[in-house]
Amino acid sequence: FIAYVFWASLIAGVALTAICLAAGAMPPLSRRHLRVYAVMGAAGIALPMSVFAFVASKIPASVLGMGVILTPMMTYALALALDLERFRARSVVGMVLGIAGVLLVVLPETSLPEPGMVGWVLVSLIAPTSFAVSNVCAAYLRPPKTSSLAMGAAMSLFAAALLLAAMTVQG
């Protein structure tokens, strides 16, 4: 499953880098930029997409899709915990209702095709959590005046490099 995510990341990174090159806006390569690309490539692409690819055959696609919609809620919760966002009762109520809705689908015995899928659903929650970490990192770590195009190209290439290392370790 890692190979699928590797190829998607590599092709996206090469394509975005070609667009950067054509636009004359290559990703900056300072130490700070490289650190941000590595963190965001891991948290925003390599880890969550690998988790999705891994659990995709183990749970229904609709349940997997539900995990994606948890990303904004998890981002808000993380930003709130790190004092990057202010407390808003309406947002917290929305977050609680969203999580309750997901639990209504996942927890009852008749909701999933097999009760044993609950563990895989919990594993799939690593992905939206990782996306939330990436979102907070983008707000907190992103170097000023770095274009989204350059960030996307470098993040994708760093994700591909991390995934290549993972595949190498796996043989």
C-alpha atoms as a PDB file:
ATOM      1  CA  PHE A   1       0.000   0.000   0.000  1.00  0.00           C
ATOM      2  CA  ILE A   2       2.926   2.345   0.604  1.00  0.00           C
ATOM      3  CA  ALA A   3       3.951   2.087  -3.051  1.00  0.00           C
ATOM      4  CA  TYR A   4       0.621   3.572  -4.166  1.00  0.00           C
ATOM      5  CA  VAL A   5       1.057   6.560  -1.896  1.00  0.00           C
ATOM      6  CA  PHE A   6       4.717   6.864  -2.920  1.00  0.00           C
ATOM      7  CA  TRP A   7       3.890   7.058  -6.627  1.00  0.00           C
ATOM      8  CA  ALA A   8       1.039   9.511  -6.075  1.00  0.00           C
ATOM      9  CA  SER A   9       3.322  11.737  -3.969  1.00  0.00           C
ATOM     10  CA  LEU A  10       6.233  11.519  -6.385  1.00  0.00           C
ATOM     11  CA  ILE A  11       4.146  12.241  -9.487  1.00  0.00           C
ATOM     12  CA  ALA A  12       2.381  15.134  -7.736  1.00  0.00           C
ATOM     13  CA  GLY A  13       5.705  16.509  -6.476  1.00  0.00           C
ATOM     14  CA  VAL A  14       7.350  16.313  -9.905  1.00  0.00           C
ATOM     15  CA  ALA A  15       4.328  17.870 -11.624  1.00  0.00           C
ATOM     16  CA  LEU A  16       4.100  20.696  -9.086  1.00  0.00           C
ATOM     17  CA  THR A  17       7.845  21.289  -9.276  1.00  0.00           C
ATOM     18  CA  ALA A  18       7.577  21.574 -13.074  1.00  0.00           C
ATOM     19  CA  ILE A  19       4.828  24.171 -12.618  1.00  0.00           C
ATOM     20  CA  CYS A  20       7.010  25.990 -10.058  1.00  0.00           C
ATOM     21  CA  LEU A  21       9.887  25.946 -12.518  1.00  0.00           C
ATOM     22  CA  ALA A  22       7.705  27.305 -15.326  1.00  0.00           C
ATOM     23  CA  ALA A  23       6.358  30.015 -13.030  1.00  0.00           C
ATOM     24  CA  GLY A  24       9.826  30.891 -11.733  1.00  0.00           C
ATOM     25  CA  ALA A  25       8.723  30.204  -8.173  1.00  0.00           C
ATOM     26  CA  MET A  26      10.797  27.267  -6.973  1.00  0.00           C
ATOM     27  CA  PRO A  27      10.443  26.187  -3.334  1.00  0.00           C
ATOM     28  CA  PRO A  28      12.985  27.923  -1.081  1.00  0.00           C
ATOM     29  CA  LEU A  29      15.545  25.520   0.387  1.00  0.00           C
ATOM     30  CA  SER A  30      16.598  27.151   3.645  1.00  0.00           C
ATOM     31  CA  ARG A  31      16.974  24.958   6.720  1.00  0.00           C
ATOM     32  CA  ARG A  32      13.687  26.320   8.079  1.00  0.00           C
ATOM     33  CA  HIS A  33      11.880  25.568   4.820  1.00  0.00           C
ATOM     34  CA  LEU A  34      13.271  22.037   4.633  1.00  0.00           C
ATOM     35  CA  ARG A  35      12.140  21.331   8.196  1.00  0.00           C
ATOM     36  CA  VAL A  36       8.619  22.555   7.428  1.00  0.00           C
ATOM     37  CA  TYR A  37       8.442  20.554   4.188  1.00  0.00           C
ATOM     38  CA  ALA A  38       9.539  17.411   6.045  1.00  0.00           C
ATOM     39  CA  VAL A  39       7.066  17.825   8.913  1.00  0.00           C
ATOM     40  CA  MET A  40       4.177  18.733   6.658  1.00  0.00           C
ATOM     41  CA  GLY A  41       5.047  16.116   4.053  1.00  0.00           C
ATOM     42  CA  ALA A  42       4.992  13.470   6.773  1.00  0.00           C
ATOM     43  CA  ALA A  43       1.921  14.717   8.664  1.00  0.00           C
ATOM     44  CA  GLY A  44      -0.071  15.999   5.702  1.00  0.00           C
ATOM     45  CA  ILE A  45       0.644  13.392   3.038  1.00  0.00           C
ATOM     46  CA  ALA A  46       2.806  10.353   3.864  1.00  0.00           C
ATOM     47  CA  LEU A  47       1.223   9.208   7.144  1.00  0.00           C
ATOM     48  CA  PRO A  48      -2.475   9.947   6.565  1.00  0.00           C
ATOM     49  CA  MET A  49      -2.557   8.742   2.978  1.00  0.00           C
ATOM     50  CA  SER A  50      -0.689   5.557   3.937  1.00  0.00           C
ATOM     51  CA  VAL A  51      -3.205   4.925   6.708  1.00  0.00           C
ATOM     52  CA  PHE A  52      -6.096   5.418   4.281  1.00  0.00           C
ATOM     53  CA  ALA A  53      -4.488   3.096   1.734  1.00  0.00           C
ATOM     54  CA  PHE A  54      -3.886   0.492   4.431  1.00  0.00           C
ATOM     55  CA  VAL A  55      -7.402   0.449   5.914  1.00  0.00           C
ATOM     56  CA  ALA A  56      -9.281   0.996   2.624  1.00  0.00           C
ATOM     57  CA  SER A  57      -9.748  -2.730   2.078  1.00  0.00           C
ATOM     58  CA  LYS A  58     -10.758  -3.334   5.689  1.00  0.00           C
ATOM     59  CA  ILE A  59     -13.676  -0.930   6.198  1.00  0.00           C
ATOM     60  CA  PRO A  60     -16.430   0.472   3.969  1.00  0.00           C
ATOM     61  CA  ALA A  61     -15.491   3.514   1.898  1.00  0.00           C
ATOM     62  CA  SER A  62     -18.343   5.507   3.439  1.00  0.00           C
ATOM     63  CA  VAL A  63     -16.896   4.986   6.916  1.00  0.00           C
ATOM     64  CA  LEU A  64     -13.435   5.899   5.678  1.00  0.00           C
ATOM     65  CA  GLY A  65     -14.893   9.070   4.156  1.00  0.00           C
ATOM     66  CA  MET A  66     -16.445   9.945   7.487  1.00  0.00           C
ATOM     67  CA  GLY A  67     -12.979  10.040   8.965  1.00  0.00           C
ATOM     68  CA  VAL A  68     -11.987  12.756   6.524  1.00  0.00           C
ATOM     69  CA  ILE A  69     -14.799  15.013   7.696  1.00  0.00           C
ATOM     70  CA  LEU A  70     -13.406  14.808  11.232  1.00  0.00           C
ATOM     71  CA  THR A  71     -10.306  16.738  10.130  1.00  0.00           C
ATOM     72  CA  PRO A  72     -11.735  20.257  10.697  1.00  0.00           C
ATOM     73  CA  MET A  73     -13.020  19.253  14.130  1.00  0.00           C
ATOM     74  CA  MET A  74      -9.691  17.751  15.105  1.00  0.00           C
ATOM     75  CA  THR A  75      -7.871  20.784  13.745  1.00  0.00           C
ATOM     76  CA  TYR A  76     -10.014  23.090  15.881  1.00  0.00           C
ATOM     77  CA  ALA A  77      -9.509  20.917  18.976  1.00  0.00           C
ATOM     78  CA  LEU A  78      -5.737  20.843  18.485  1.00  0.00           C
ATOM     79  CA  ALA A  79      -5.542  24.567  17.778  1.00  0.00           C
ATOM     80  CA  LEU A  80      -7.664  25.228  20.860  1.00  0.00           C
ATOM     81  CA  ALA A  81      -5.404  23.024  22.998  1.00  0.00           C
ATOM     82  CA  LEU A  82      -2.330  24.859  21.708  1.00  0.00           C
ATOM     83  CA  ASP A  83      -3.968  28.255  22.307  1.00  0.00           C
ATOM     84  CA  LEU A  84      -3.855  29.087  18.582  1.00  0.00           C
ATOM     85  CA  GLU A  85      -7.627  29.415  18.427  1.00  0.00           C
ATOM     86  CA  ARG A  86     -10.051  31.015  20.839  1.00  0.00           C
ATOM     87  CA  PHE A  87     -12.838  29.074  22.542  1.00  0.00           C
ATOM     88  CA  ARG A  88     -16.193  29.389  20.787  1.00  0.00           C
ATOM     89  CA  ALA A  89     -19.115  27.533  22.334  1.00  0.00           C
ATOM     90  CA  ARG A  90     -20.813  27.094  18.955  1.00  0.00           C
ATOM     91  CA  SER A  91     -17.695  25.449  17.517  1.00  0.00           C
ATOM     92  CA  VAL A  92     -17.368  23.096  20.489  1.00  0.00           C
ATOM     93  CA  VAL A  93     -21.057  22.139  20.243  1.00  0.00           C
ATOM     94  CA  GLY A  94     -20.604  21.463  16.526  1.00  0.00           C
ATOM     95  CA  MET A  95     -17.523  19.381  17.240  1.00  0.00           C
ATOM     96  CA  VAL A  96     -19.342  17.315  19.879  1.00  0.00           C
ATOM     97  CA  LEU A  97     -22.324  16.772  17.556  1.00  0.00           C
ATOM     98  CA  GLY A  98     -20.025  15.705  14.731  1.00  0.00           C
ATOM     99  CA  ILE A  99     -18.200  13.204  16.895  1.00  0.00           C
ATOM    100  CA  ALA A 100     -21.525  11.936  18.275  1.00  0.00           C
ATOM    101  CA  GLY A 101     -22.738  11.400  14.712  1.00  0.00           C
ATOM    102  CA  VAL A 102     -19.675   9.370  13.857  1.00  0.00           C
ATOM    103  CA  LEU A 103     -20.075   7.326  17.041  1.00  0.00           C
ATOM    104  CA  LEU A 104     -23.715   6.594  16.121  1.00  0.00           C
ATOM    105  CA  VAL A 105     -22.505   5.061  12.888  1.00  0.00           C
ATOM    106  CA  VAL A 106     -19.546   3.170  14.311  1.00  0.00           C
ATOM    107  CA  LEU A 107     -20.607   1.932  17.750  1.00  0.00           C
ATOM    108  CA  PRO A 108     -23.977   0.182  17.339  1.00  0.00           C
ATOM    109  CA  GLU A 109     -23.572  -3.500  16.528  1.00  0.00           C
ATOM    110  CA  THR A 110     -25.641  -3.202  13.359  1.00  0.00           C
ATOM    111  CA  SER A 111     -23.846  -0.189  11.904  1.00  0.00           C
ATOM    112  CA  LEU A 112     -20.752  -1.840  10.441  1.00  0.00           C
ATOM    113  CA  PRO A 113     -20.872  -4.968   8.267  1.00  0.00           C
ATOM    114  CA  GLU A 114     -18.727  -6.755  10.886  1.00  0.00           C
ATOM    115  CA  PRO A 115     -18.189  -5.797  14.541  1.00  0.00           C
ATOM    116  CA  GLY A 116     -14.451  -6.487  14.145  1.00  0.00           C
ATOM    117  CA  MET A 117     -14.176  -3.458  11.873  1.00  0.00           C
ATOM    118  CA  VAL A 118     -14.321  -1.072  14.841  1.00  0.00           C
ATOM    119  CA  GLY A 119     -10.591  -1.551  15.439  1.00  0.00           C
ATOM    120  CA  TRP A 120      -9.838  -0.634  11.823  1.00  0.00           C
ATOM    121  CA  VAL A 121     -12.075   2.427  12.126  1.00  0.00           C
ATOM    122  CA  LEU A 122     -10.020   3.504  15.132  1.00  0.00           C
ATOM    123  CA  VAL A 123      -6.803   2.964  13.136  1.00  0.00           C
ATOM    124  CA  SER A 124      -8.261   5.078  10.323  1.00  0.00           C
ATOM    125  CA  LEU A 125      -8.621   7.990  12.781  1.00  0.00           C
ATOM    126  CA  ILE A 126      -4.849   8.371  12.651  1.00  0.00           C
ATOM    127  CA  ALA A 127      -5.343   9.993   9.234  1.00  0.00           C
ATOM    128  CA  PRO A 128      -7.621  12.920  10.219  1.00  0.00           C
ATOM    129  CA  THR A 129      -5.522  13.417  13.337  1.00  0.00           C
ATOM    130  CA  SER A 130      -2.420  13.638  11.160  1.00  0.00           C
ATOM    131  CA  PHE A 131      -4.180  16.059   8.801  1.00  0.00           C
ATOM    132  CA  ALA A 132      -5.074  18.193  11.836  1.00  0.00           C
ATOM    133  CA  VAL A 133      -1.429  18.227  12.943  1.00  0.00           C
ATOM    134  CA  SER A 134      -0.459  19.293   9.420  1.00  0.00           C
ATOM    135  CA  ASN A 135      -3.056  22.074   9.427  1.00  0.00           C
ATOM    136  CA  VAL A 136      -1.835  23.432  12.746  1.00  0.00           C
ATOM    137  CA  CYS A 137       1.769  23.166  11.561  1.00  0.00           C
ATOM    138  CA  ALA A 138       0.832  25.108   8.438  1.00  0.00           C
ATOM    139  CA  ALA A 139      -0.528  27.925  10.575  1.00  0.00           C
ATOM    140  CA  TYR A 140       2.299  27.818  13.087  1.00  0.00           C
ATOM    141  CA  LEU A 141       5.435  26.823  11.149  1.00  0.00           C
ATOM    142  CA  ARG A 142       4.848  27.965   7.585  1.00  0.00           C
ATOM    143  CA  PRO A 143       7.571  30.383   6.527  1.00  0.00           C
ATOM    144  CA  PRO A 144       6.206  33.746   5.383  1.00  0.00           C
ATOM    145  CA  LYS A 145       6.079  34.529   1.680  1.00  0.00           C
ATOM    146  CA  THR A 146       6.235  30.856   0.676  1.00  0.00           C
ATOM    147  CA  SER A 147       3.639  30.162  -1.998  1.00  0.00           C
ATOM    148  CA  SER A 148       1.167  27.335  -1.659  1.00  0.00           C
ATOM    149  CA  LEU A 149       2.414  25.963  -4.962  1.00  0.00           C
ATOM    150  CA  ALA A 150       5.988  25.774  -3.651  1.00  0.00           C
ATOM    151  CA  MET A 151       4.789  24.275  -0.361  1.00  0.00           C
ATOM    152  CA  GLY A 152       2.752  21.630  -2.186  1.00  0.00           C
ATOM    153  CA  ALA A 153       5.629  20.668  -4.475  1.00  0.00           C
ATOM    154  CA  ALA A 154       8.167  20.354  -1.678  1.00  0.00           C
ATOM    155  CA  MET A 155       5.764  18.595   0.714  1.00  0.00           C
ATOM    156  CA  SER A 156       4.925  16.024  -1.962  1.00  0.00           C
ATOM    157  CA  LEU A 157       8.580  15.377  -2.741  1.00  0.00           C
ATOM    158  CA  PHE A 158       9.453  15.044   0.945  1.00  0.00           C
ATOM    159  CA  ALA A 159       6.521  12.663   1.420  1.00  0.00           C
ATOM    160  CA  ALA A 160       7.790  10.588  -1.519  1.00  0.00           C
ATOM    161  CA  ALA A 161      11.276  10.498   0.020  1.00  0.00           C
ATOM    162  CA  LEU A 162       9.873   9.356   3.394  1.00  0.00           C
ATOM    163  CA  LEU A 163       7.775   6.703   1.697  1.00  0.00           C
ATOM    164  CA  LEU A 164      10.772   5.539  -0.334  1.00  0.00           C
ATOM    165  CA  ALA A 165      12.687   5.117   2.917  1.00  0.00           C
ATOM    166  CA  ALA A 166       9.761   3.142   4.398  1.00  0.00           C
ATOM    167  CA  MET A 167       9.627   0.872   1.342  1.00  0.00           C
ATOM    168  CA  THR A 168      13.381   0.352   1.506  1.00  0.00           C
ATOM    169  CA  VAL A 169      13.150  -0.690   5.156  1.00  0.00           C
ATOM    170  CA  GLN A 170      10.328  -3.093   4.250  1.00  0.00           C
ATOM    171  CA  GLY A 171      12.469  -4.588   1.487  1.00  0.00           C
END
